[in-house]
């Protein structure tokens, strides 16, 4: 589990041997930014 800030968390699962490659991921996650251009770069 990773702290994104503000009490928000991303849980990251490693690809175990029984997980198909096409396992869905989330649509998108929006991270609050103070400098969009810097975060993008």
ModelCIF file with pLDDT and N, C-alpha, C, O atoms, coordinates in Angstrom:
data_MODEL
#
_entry.id   MODEL 
#
_entity.id                         1 
_entity.type                       polymer 
_entity.pdbx_number_of_molecules   1 
#
_entity_poly.entity_id                      1 
_entity_poly.type                           'polypeptide(L)' 
_entity_poly.nstd_linkage                   no 
_entity_poly.nstd_monomer                   no 
_entity_poly.pdbx_seq_one_letter_code       
;(UNK)(UNK)(UNK)(UNK)(UNK)(UNK)(UNK)(UNK)(UNK)(UNK)(UNK)(UNK)(UNK)(UNK)(UNK)(UNK)
(UNK)(UNK)(UNK)(UNK)(UNK)(UNK)(UNK)(UNK)(UNK)(UNK)(UNK)(UNK)(UNK)(UNK)(UNK)(UNK)
(UNK)(UNK)(UNK)(UNK)(UNK)(UNK)(UNK)(UNK)(UNK)
;
_entity_poly.pdbx_seq_one_letter_code_can   XXXXXXXXXXXXXXXXXXXXXXXXXXXXXXXXXXXXXXXXX 
_entity_poly.pdbx_strand_id                 A 
#
loop_
_entity_poly_seq.entity_id 
_entity_poly_seq.num 
_entity_poly_seq.mon_id 
_entity_poly_seq.hetero 
1 1  UNK n 
1 2  UNK n 
1 3  UNK n 
1 4  UNK n 
1 5  UNK n 
1 6  UNK n 
1 7  UNK n 
1 8  UNK n 
1 9  UNK n 
1 10 UNK n 
1 11 UNK n 
1 12 UNK n 
1 13 UNK n 
1 14 UNK n 
1 15 UNK n 
1 16 UNK n 
1 17 UNK n 
1 18 UNK n 
1 19 UNK n 
1 20 UNK n 
1 21 UNK n 
1 22 UNK n 
1 23 UNK n 
1 24 UNK n 
1 25 UNK n 
1 26 UNK n 
1 27 UNK n 
1 28 UNK n 
1 29 UNK n 
1 30 UNK n 
1 31 UNK n 
1 32 UNK n 
1 33 UNK n 
1 34 UNK n 
1 35 UNK n 
1 36 UNK n 
1 37 UNK n 
1 38 UNK n 
1 39 UNK n 
1 40 UNK n 
1 41 UNK n 
#
_struct_asym.id          A 
_struct_asym.entity_id   1 
#
loop_
_ma_qa_metric.id 
_ma_qa_metric.mode 
_ma_qa_metric.name 
_ma_qa_metric.software_group_id 
_ma_qa_metric.type 
1 global pLDDT . pLDDT 
2 local  pLDDT . pLDDT 
#
_ma_qa_metric_global.metric_id      1 
_ma_qa_metric_global.metric_value   82.95 
_ma_qa_metric_global.model_id       1 
_ma_qa_metric_global.ordinal_id     1 
#
loop_
_ma_qa_metric_local.label_asym_id 
_ma_qa_metric_local.label_comp_id 
_ma_qa_metric_local.label_seq_id 
_ma_qa_metric_local.metric_id 
_ma_qa_metric_local.metric_value 
_ma_qa_metric_local.model_id 
_ma_qa_metric_local.ordinal_id 
A UNK 1  2 92.00 1 1  
A UNK 2  2 95.00 1 2  
A UNK 3  2 95.00 1 3  
A UNK 4  2 93.00 1 4  
A UNK 5  2 91.00 1 5  
A UNK 6  2 88.00 1 6  
A UNK 7  2 86.00 1 7  
A UNK 8  2 90.00 1 8  
A UNK 9  2 92.00 1 9  
A UNK 10 2 92.00 1 10 
A UNK 11 2 90.00 1 11 
A UNK 12 2 91.00 1 12 
A UNK 13 2 86.00 1 13 
A UNK 14 2 86.00 1 14 
A UNK 15 2 76.00 1 15 
A UNK 16 2 62.00 1 16 
A UNK 17 2 57.00 1 17 
A UNK 18 2 61.00 1 18 
A UNK 19 2 59.00 1 19 
A UNK 20 2 62.00 1 20 
A UNK 21 2 64.00 1 21 
A UNK 22 2 65.00 1 22 
A UNK 23 2 61.00 1 23 
A UNK 24 2 58.00 1 24 
A UNK 25 2 68.00 1 25 
A UNK 26 2 73.00 1 26 
A UNK 27 2 68.00 1 27 
A UNK 28 2 86.00 1 28 
A UNK 29 2 89.00 1 29 
A UNK 30 2 89.00 1 30 
A UNK 31 2 91.00 1 31 
A UNK 32 2 90.00 1 32 
A UNK 33 2 92.00 1 33 
A UNK 34 2 92.00 1 34 
A UNK 35 2 95.00 1 35 
A UNK 36 2 95.00 1 36 
A UNK 37 2 97.00 1 37 
A UNK 38 2 95.00 1 38 
A UNK 39 2 95.00 1 39 
A UNK 40 2 97.00 1 40 
A UNK 41 2 97.00 1 41 
#
loop_
_atom_site.group_PDB 
_atom_site.id 
_atom_site.type_symbol 
_atom_site.label_atom_id 
_atom_site.label_alt_id 
_atom_site.label_comp_id 
_atom_site.label_asym_id 
_atom_site.label_entity_id 
_atom_site.label_seq_id 
_atom_site.pdbx_PDB_ins_code 
_atom_site.Cartn_x 
_atom_site.Cartn_y 
_atom_site.Cartn_z 
_atom_site.occupancy 
_atom_site.B_iso_or_equiv 
_atom_site.pdbx_formal_charge 
_atom_site.auth_seq_id 
_atom_site.auth_comp_id 
_atom_site.auth_asym_id 
_atom_site.auth_atom_id 
_atom_site.pdbx_PDB_model_num 
ATOM 1   N N  . UNK A 1 1  ? 0.872   -1.169  0.000   1.00 92.00 ? 1  UNK A N  1 
ATOM 2   C CA . UNK A 1 1  ? 0.000   0.000   0.000   1.00 92.00 ? 1  UNK A CA 1 
ATOM 3   C C  . UNK A 1 1  ? 0.908   1.219   0.000   1.00 92.00 ? 1  UNK A C  1 
ATOM 4   O O  . UNK A 1 1  ? 1.870   1.294   0.764   1.00 92.00 ? 1  UNK A O  1 
ATOM 5   N N  . UNK A 1 2  ? 0.588   2.175   -0.871  1.00 95.00 ? 2  UNK A N  1 
ATOM 6   C CA . UNK A 1 2  ? 1.384   3.395   -0.984  1.00 95.00 ? 2  UNK A CA 1 
ATOM 7   C C  . UNK A 1 2  ? 0.535   4.603   -0.623  1.00 95.00 ? 2  UNK A C  1 
ATOM 8   O O  . UNK A 1 2  ? -0.615  4.720   -1.047  1.00 95.00 ? 2  UNK A O  1 
ATOM 9   N N  . UNK A 1 3  ? 1.119   5.506   0.172   1.00 95.00 ? 3  UNK A N  1 
ATOM 10  C CA . UNK A 1 3  ? 0.471   6.746   0.582   1.00 95.00 ? 3  UNK A CA 1 
ATOM 11  C C  . UNK A 1 3  ? 0.578   7.745   -0.561  1.00 95.00 ? 3  UNK A C  1 
ATOM 12  O O  . UNK A 1 3  ? 1.675   8.095   -0.994  1.00 95.00 ? 3  UNK A O  1 
ATOM 13  N N  . UNK A 1 4  ? -0.580  8.203   -1.044  1.00 93.00 ? 4  UNK A N  1 
ATOM 14  C CA . UNK A 1 4  ? -0.625  9.188   -2.120  1.00 93.00 ? 4  UNK A CA 1 
ATOM 15  C C  . UNK A 1 4  ? -0.677  10.599  -1.532  1.00 93.00 ? 4  UNK A C  1 
ATOM 16  O O  . UNK A 1 4  ? -0.448  11.576  -2.246  1.00 93.00 ? 4  UNK A O  1 
ATOM 17  N N  . UNK A 1 5  ? -0.976  10.711  -0.240  1.00 91.00 ? 5  UNK A N  1 
ATOM 18  C CA . UNK A 1 5  ? -1.139  12.004  0.417   1.00 91.00 ? 5  UNK A CA 1 
ATOM 19  C C  . UNK A 1 5  ? -2.597  12.231  0.757   1.00 91.00 ? 5  UNK A C  1 
ATOM 20  O O  . UNK A 1 5  ? -3.483  11.678  0.106   1.00 91.00 ? 5  UNK A O  1 
ATOM 21  N N  . UNK A 1 6  ? -2.850  13.032  1.760   1.00 88.00 ? 6  UNK A N  1 
ATOM 22  C CA . UNK A 1 6  ? -4.216  13.364  2.133   1.00 88.00 ? 6  UNK A CA 1 
ATOM 23  C C  . UNK A 1 6  ? -5.034  12.190  2.619   1.00 88.00 ? 6  UNK A C  1 
ATOM 24  O O  . UNK A 1 6  ? -6.263  12.235  2.569   1.00 88.00 ? 6  UNK A O  1 
ATOM 25  N N  . UNK A 1 7  ? -4.376  11.128  3.093   1.00 86.00 ? 7  UNK A N  1 
ATOM 26  C CA . UNK A 1 7  ? -5.081  9.951   3.570   1.00 86.00 ? 7  UNK A CA 1 
ATOM 27  C C  . UNK A 1 7  ? -5.515  8.994   2.471   1.00 86.00 ? 7  UNK A C  1 
ATOM 28  O O  . UNK A 1 7  ? -6.266  8.055   2.734   1.00 86.00 ? 7  UNK A O  1 
ATOM 29  N N  . UNK A 1 8  ? -5.059  9.213   1.255   1.00 90.00 ? 8  UNK A N  1 
ATOM 30  C CA . UNK A 1 8  ? -5.418  8.370   0.118   1.00 90.00 ? 8  UNK A CA 1 
ATOM 31  C C  . UNK A 1 8  ? -4.335  7.332   -0.141  1.00 90.00 ? 8  UNK A C  1 
ATOM 32  O O  . UNK A 1 8  ? -3.149  7.592   0.060   1.00 90.00 ? 8  UNK A O  1 
ATOM 33  N N  . UNK A 1 9  ? -4.759  6.144   -0.591  1.00 92.00 ? 9  UNK A N  1 
ATOM 34  C CA . UNK A 1 9  ? -3.845  5.012   -0.736  1.00 92.00 ? 9  UNK A CA 1 
ATOM 35  C C  . UNK A 1 9  ? -4.051  4.336   -2.086  1.00 92.00 ? 9  UNK A C  1 
ATOM 36  O O  . UNK A 1 9  ? -5.179  4.210   -2.562  1.00 92.00 ? 9  UNK A O  1 
ATOM 37  N N  . UNK A 1 10 ? -2.946  3.902   -2.700  1.00 92.00 ? 10 UNK A N  1 
ATOM 38  C CA . UNK A 1 10 ? -2.993  2.985   -3.833  1.00 92.00 ? 10 UNK A CA 1 
ATOM 39  C C  . UNK A 1 10 ? -2.463  1.657   -3.320  1.00 92.00 ? 10 UNK A C  1 
ATOM 40  O O  . UNK A 1 10 ? -1.353  1.587   -2.792  1.00 92.00 ? 10 UNK A O  1 
ATOM 41  N N  . UNK A 1 11 ? -3.256  0.601   -3.476  1.00 90.00 ? 11 UNK A N  1 
ATOM 42  C CA . UNK A 1 11 ? -2.803  -0.742  -3.136  1.00 90.00 ? 11 UNK A CA 1 
ATOM 43  C C  . UNK A 1 11 ? -2.282  -1.378  -4.423  1.00 90.00 ? 11 UNK A C  1 
ATOM 44  O O  . UNK A 1 11 ? -2.990  -1.423  -5.429  1.00 90.00 ? 11 UNK A O  1 
ATOM 45  N N  . UNK A 1 12 ? -1.060  -1.861  -4.391  1.00 91.00 ? 12 UNK A N  1 
ATOM 46  C CA . UNK A 1 12 ? -0.436  -2.412  -5.590  1.00 91.00 ? 12 UNK A CA 1 
ATOM 47  C C  . UNK A 1 12 ? -0.199  -3.901  -5.386  1.00 91.00 ? 12 UNK A C  1 
ATOM 48  O O  . UNK A 1 12 ? 0.450   -4.320  -4.427  1.00 91.00 ? 12 UNK A O  1 
ATOM 49  N N  . UNK A 1 13 ? -0.744  -4.697  -6.314  1.00 86.00 ? 13 UNK A N  1 
ATOM 50  C CA . UNK A 1 13 ? -0.609  -6.146  -6.274  1.00 86.00 ? 13 UNK A CA 1 
ATOM 51  C C  . UNK A 1 13 ? 0.392   -6.586  -7.326  1.00 86.00 ? 13 UNK A C  1 
ATOM 52  O O  . UNK A 1 13 ? 0.250   -6.249  -8.501  1.00 86.00 ? 13 UNK A O  1 
ATOM 53  N N  . UNK A 1 14 ? 1.413   -7.342  -6.907  1.00 86.00 ? 14 UNK A N  1 
ATOM 54  C CA . UNK A 1 14 ? 2.330   -7.929  -7.863  1.00 86.00 ? 14 UNK A CA 1 
ATOM 55  C C  . UNK A 1 14 ? 1.610   -9.004  -8.664  1.00 86.00 ? 14 UNK A C  1 
ATOM 56  O O  . UNK A 1 14 ? 0.634   -9.591  -8.198  1.00 86.00 ? 14 UNK A O  1 
ATOM 57  N N  . UNK A 1 15 ? 2.091   -9.252  -9.853  1.00 76.00 ? 15 UNK A N  1 
ATOM 58  C CA . UNK A 1 15 ? 1.448   -10.235 -10.739 1.00 76.00 ? 15 UNK A CA 1 
ATOM 59  C C  . UNK A 1 15 ? 1.835   -11.641 -10.318 1.00 76.00 ? 15 UNK A C  1 
ATOM 60  O O  . UNK A 1 15 ? 2.925   -12.115 -10.639 1.00 76.00 ? 15 UNK A O  1 
ATOM 61  N N  . UNK A 1 16 ? 0.952   -12.298 -9.607  1.00 62.00 ? 16 UNK A N  1 
ATOM 62  C CA . UNK A 1 16 ? 1.196   -13.672 -9.205  1.00 62.00 ? 16 UNK A CA 1 
ATOM 63  C C  . UNK A 1 16 ? 1.025   -14.632 -10.368 1.00 62.00 ? 16 UNK A C  1 
ATOM 64  O O  . UNK A 1 16 ? 0.562   -14.226 -11.433 1.00 62.00 ? 16 UNK A O  1 
ATOM 65  N N  . UNK A 1 17 ? 1.387   -15.897 -10.189 1.00 57.00 ? 17 UNK A N  1 
ATOM 66  C CA . UNK A 1 17 ? 1.368   -16.862 -11.288 1.00 57.00 ? 17 UNK A CA 1 
ATOM 67  C C  . UNK A 1 17 ? -0.027  -17.196 -11.804 1.00 57.00 ? 17 UNK A C  1 
ATOM 68  O O  . UNK A 1 17 ? -0.155  -17.681 -12.928 1.00 57.00 ? 17 UNK A O  1 
ATOM 69  N N  . UNK A 1 18 ? -1.075  -16.952 -11.022 1.00 61.00 ? 18 UNK A N  1 
ATOM 70  C CA . UNK A 1 18 ? -2.428  -17.315 -11.443 1.00 61.00 ? 18 UNK A CA 1 
ATOM 71  C C  . UNK A 1 18 ? -3.227  -16.134 -11.996 1.00 61.00 ? 18 UNK A C  1 
ATOM 72  O O  . UNK A 1 18 ? -4.436  -16.254 -12.192 1.00 61.00 ? 18 UNK A O  1 
ATOM 73  N N  . UNK A 1 19 ? -2.584  -15.011 -12.250 1.00 59.00 ? 19 UNK A N  1 
ATOM 74  C CA . UNK A 1 19 ? -3.281  -13.820 -12.719 1.00 59.00 ? 19 UNK A CA 1 
ATOM 75  C C  . UNK A 1 19 ? -3.120  -13.688 -14.228 1.00 59.00 ? 19 UNK A C  1 
ATOM 76  O O  . UNK A 1 19 ? -1.996  -13.610 -14.724 1.00 59.00 ? 19 UNK A O  1 
ATOM 77  N N  . UNK A 1 20 ? -4.230  -13.663 -14.964 1.00 62.00 ? 20 UNK A N  1 
ATOM 78  C CA . UNK A 1 20 ? -4.113  -13.508 -16.414 1.00 62.00 ? 20 UNK A CA 1 
ATOM 79  C C  . UNK A 1 20 ? -3.591  -12.125 -16.783 1.00 62.00 ? 20 UNK A C  1 
ATOM 80  O O  . UNK A 1 20 ? -3.829  -11.157 -16.061 1.00 62.00 ? 20 UNK A O  1 
ATOM 81  N N  . UNK A 1 21 ? -2.882  -12.029 -17.903 1.00 64.00 ? 21 UNK A N  1 
ATOM 82  C CA . UNK A 1 21 ? -2.313  -10.760 -18.363 1.00 64.00 ? 21 UNK A CA 1 
ATOM 83  C C  . UNK A 1 21 ? -3.372  -9.696  -18.601 1.00 64.00 ? 21 UNK A C  1 
ATOM 84  O O  . UNK A 1 21 ? -3.099  -8.506  -18.444 1.00 64.00 ? 21 UNK A O  1 
ATOM 85  N N  . UNK A 1 22 ? -4.581  -10.108 -18.980 1.00 65.00 ? 22 UNK A N  1 
ATOM 86  C CA . UNK A 1 22 ? -5.607  -9.125  -19.285 1.00 65.00 ? 22 UNK A CA 1 
ATOM 87  C C  . UNK A 1 22 ? -6.451  -8.736  -18.068 1.00 65.00 ? 22 UNK A C  1 
ATOM 88  O O  . UNK A 1 22 ? -7.534  -8.169  -18.214 1.00 65.00 ? 22 UNK A O  1 
ATOM 89  N N  . UNK A 1 23 ? -5.949  -9.042  -16.866 1.00 61.00 ? 23 UNK A N  1 
ATOM 90  C CA . UNK A 1 23 ? -6.660  -8.649  -15.653 1.00 61.00 ? 23 UNK A CA 1 
ATOM 91  C C  . UNK A 1 23 ? -6.896  -7.134  -15.693 1.00 61.00 ? 23 UNK A C  1 
ATOM 92  O O  . UNK A 1 23 ? -5.956  -6.380  -15.942 1.00 61.00 ? 23 UNK A O  1 
ATOM 93  N N  . UNK A 1 24 ? -8.122  -6.677  -15.455 1.00 58.00 ? 24 UNK A N  1 
ATOM 94  C CA . UNK A 1 24 ? -8.394  -5.243  -15.590 1.00 58.00 ? 24 UNK A CA 1 
ATOM 95  C C  . UNK A 1 24 ? -7.696  -4.410  -14.519 1.00 58.00 ? 24 UNK A C  1 
ATOM 96  O O  . UNK A 1 24 ? -7.499  -4.854  -13.388 1.00 58.00 ? 24 UNK A O  1 
ATOM 97  N N  . UNK A 1 25 ? -7.327  -3.188  -14.909 1.00 68.00 ? 25 UNK A N  1 
ATOM 98  C CA . UNK A 1 25 ? -6.825  -2.221  -13.955 1.00 68.00 ? 25 UNK A CA 1 
ATOM 99  C C  . UNK A 1 25 ? -7.866  -1.113  -13.833 1.00 68.00 ? 25 UNK A C  1 
ATOM 100 O O  . UNK A 1 25 ? -8.876  -1.159  -14.535 1.00 68.00 ? 25 UNK A O  1 
ATOM 101 N N  . UNK A 1 26 ? -7.663  -0.133  -12.981 1.00 73.00 ? 26 UNK A N  1 
ATOM 102 C CA . UNK A 1 26 ? -8.669  0.915   -12.820 1.00 73.00 ? 26 UNK A CA 1 
ATOM 103 C C  . UNK A 1 26 ? -8.746  1.793   -14.069 1.00 73.00 ? 26 UNK A C  1 
ATOM 104 O O  . UNK A 1 26 ? -7.790  1.858   -14.842 1.00 73.00 ? 26 UNK A O  1 
ATOM 105 N N  . UNK A 1 27 ? -9.884  2.472   -14.268 1.00 68.00 ? 27 UNK A N  1 
ATOM 106 C CA . UNK A 1 27 ? -10.097 3.355   -15.425 1.00 68.00 ? 27 UNK A CA 1 
ATOM 107 C C  . UNK A 1 27 ? -9.056  4.467   -15.446 1.00 68.00 ? 27 UNK A C  1 
ATOM 108 O O  . UNK A 1 27 ? -8.311  4.605   -16.416 1.00 68.00 ? 27 UNK A O  1 
ATOM 109 N N  . UNK A 1 28 ? -9.003  5.255   -14.383 1.00 86.00 ? 28 UNK A N  1 
ATOM 110 C CA . UNK A 1 28 ? -7.923  6.214   -14.180 1.00 86.00 ? 28 UNK A CA 1 
ATOM 111 C C  . UNK A 1 28 ? -7.963  6.654   -12.730 1.00 86.00 ? 28 UNK A C  1 
ATOM 112 O O  . UNK A 1 28 ? -8.974  6.514   -12.042 1.00 86.00 ? 28 UNK A O  1 
ATOM 113 N N  . UNK A 1 29 ? -6.851  7.184   -12.290 1.00 89.00 ? 29 UNK A N  1 
ATOM 114 C CA . UNK A 1 29 ? -6.772  7.756   -10.960 1.00 89.00 ? 29 UNK A CA 1 
ATOM 115 C C  . UNK A 1 29 ? -6.334  9.196   -11.142 1.00 89.00 ? 29 UNK A C  1 
ATOM 116 O O  . UNK A 1 29 ? -5.402  9.480   -11.895 1.00 89.00 ? 29 UNK A O  1 
ATOM 117 N N  . UNK A 1 30 ? -7.005  10.100  -10.453 1.00 89.00 ? 30 UNK A N  1 
ATOM 118 C CA . UNK A 1 30 ? -6.674  11.521  -10.541 1.00 89.00 ? 30 UNK A CA 1 
ATOM 119 C C  . UNK A 1 30 ? -5.908  11.917  -9.281  1.00 89.00 ? 30 UNK A C  1 
ATOM 120 O O  . UNK A 1 30 ? -6.423  11.809  -8.168  1.00 89.00 ? 30 UNK A O  1 
ATOM 121 N N  . UNK A 1 31 ? -4.681  12.373  -9.470  1.00 91.00 ? 31 UNK A N  1 
ATOM 122 C CA . UNK A 1 31 ? -3.855  12.829  -8.360  1.00 91.00 ? 31 UNK A CA 1 
ATOM 123 C C  . UNK A 1 31 ? -3.915  14.352  -8.289  1.00 91.00 ? 31 UNK A C  1 
ATOM 124 O O  . UNK A 1 31 ? -3.706  15.033  -9.293  1.00 91.00 ? 31 UNK A O  1 
ATOM 125 N N  . UNK A 1 32 ? -4.201  14.887  -7.096  1.00 90.00 ? 32 UNK A N  1 
ATOM 126 C CA . UNK A 1 32 ? -4.185  16.337  -6.923  1.00 90.00 ? 32 UNK A CA 1 
ATOM 127 C C  . UNK A 1 32 ? -2.787  16.844  -7.224  1.00 90.00 ? 32 UNK A C  1 
ATOM 128 O O  . UNK A 1 32 ? -1.796  16.217  -6.848  1.00 90.00 ? 32 UNK A O  1 
ATOM 129 N N  . UNK A 1 33 ? -2.711  17.970  -7.896  1.00 92.00 ? 33 UNK A N  1 
ATOM 130 C CA . UNK A 1 33 ? -1.419  18.498  -8.313  1.00 92.00 ? 33 UNK A CA 1 
ATOM 131 C C  . UNK A 1 33 ? -1.310  19.977  -7.978  1.00 92.00 ? 33 UNK A C  1 
ATOM 132 O O  . UNK A 1 33 ? -2.295  20.710  -8.058  1.00 92.00 ? 33 UNK A O  1 
ATOM 133 N N  . UNK A 1 34 ? -0.120  20.415  -7.604  1.00 92.00 ? 34 UNK A N  1 
ATOM 134 C CA . UNK A 1 34 ? 0.145   21.844  -7.456  1.00 92.00 ? 34 UNK A CA 1 
ATOM 135 C C  . UNK A 1 34 ? 0.858   22.381  -8.695  1.00 92.00 ? 34 UNK A C  1 
ATOM 136 O O  . UNK A 1 34 ? 0.880   23.591  -8.919  1.00 92.00 ? 34 UNK A O  1 
ATOM 137 N N  . UNK A 1 35 ? 1.441   21.490  -9.501  1.00 95.00 ? 35 UNK A N  1 
ATOM 138 C CA . UNK A 1 35 ? 2.122   21.868  -10.741 1.00 95.00 ? 35 UNK A CA 1 
ATOM 139 C C  . UNK A 1 35 ? 1.935   20.750  -11.757 1.00 95.00 ? 35 UNK A C  1 
ATOM 140 O O  . UNK A 1 35 ? 2.721   19.804  -11.801 1.00 95.00 ? 35 UNK A O  1 
ATOM 141 N N  . UNK A 1 36 ? 0.905   20.862  -12.564 1.00 95.00 ? 36 UNK A N  1 
ATOM 142 C CA . UNK A 1 36 ? 0.537   19.811  -13.515 1.00 95.00 ? 36 UNK A CA 1 
ATOM 143 C C  . UNK A 1 36 ? 1.664   19.540  -14.501 1.00 95.00 ? 36 UNK A C  1 
ATOM 144 O O  . UNK A 1 36 ? 1.991   18.385  -14.774 1.00 95.00 ? 36 UNK A O  1 
ATOM 145 N N  . UNK A 1 37 ? 2.262   20.613  -15.039 1.00 97.00 ? 37 UNK A N  1 
ATOM 146 C CA . UNK A 1 37 ? 3.341   20.447  -16.018 1.00 97.00 ? 37 UNK A CA 1 
ATOM 147 C C  . UNK A 1 37 ? 4.514   19.683  -15.410 1.00 97.00 ? 37 UNK A C  1 
ATOM 148 O O  . UNK A 1 37 ? 5.072   18.799  -16.062 1.00 97.00 ? 37 UNK A O  1 
ATOM 149 N N  . UNK A 1 38 ? 4.899   20.005  -14.178 1.00 95.00 ? 38 UNK A N  1 
ATOM 150 C CA . UNK A 1 38 ? 6.017   19.325  -13.517 1.00 95.00 ? 38 UNK A CA 1 
ATOM 151 C C  . UNK A 1 38 ? 5.689   17.854  -13.250 1.00 95.00 ? 38 UNK A C  1 
ATOM 152 O O  . UNK A 1 38 ? 6.519   16.981  -13.503 1.00 95.00 ? 38 UNK A O  1 
ATOM 153 N N  . UNK A 1 39 ? 4.492   17.577  -12.744 1.00 95.00 ? 39 UNK A N  1 
ATOM 154 C CA . UNK A 1 39 ? 4.092   16.185  -12.499 1.00 95.00 ? 39 UNK A CA 1 
ATOM 155 C C  . UNK A 1 39 ? 4.093   15.382  -13.798 1.00 95.00 ? 39 UNK A C  1 
ATOM 156 O O  . UNK A 1 39 ? 4.557   14.242  -13.835 1.00 95.00 ? 39 UNK A O  1 
ATOM 157 N N  . UNK A 1 40 ? 3.571   15.987  -14.858 1.00 97.00 ? 40 UNK A N  1 
ATOM 158 C CA . UNK A 1 40 ? 3.522   15.337  -16.176 1.00 97.00 ? 40 UNK A CA 1 
ATOM 159 C C  . UNK A 1 40 ? 4.938   15.008  -16.661 1.00 97.00 ? 40 UNK A C  1 
ATOM 160 O O  . UNK A 1 40 ? 5.198   13.884  -17.090 1.00 97.00 ? 40 UNK A O  1 
ATOM 161 N N  . UNK A 1 41 ? 5.844   15.973  -16.596 1.00 97.00 ? 41 UNK A N  1 
ATOM 162 C CA . UNK A 1 41 ? 7.226   15.760  -17.044 1.00 97.00 ? 41 UNK A CA 1 
ATOM 163 C C  . UNK A 1 41 ? 7.945   14.729  -16.168 1.00 97.00 ? 41 UNK A C  1 
ATOM 164 O O  . UNK A 1 41 ? 9.115   14.429  -16.403 1.00 97.00 ? 41 UNK A O  1 
#
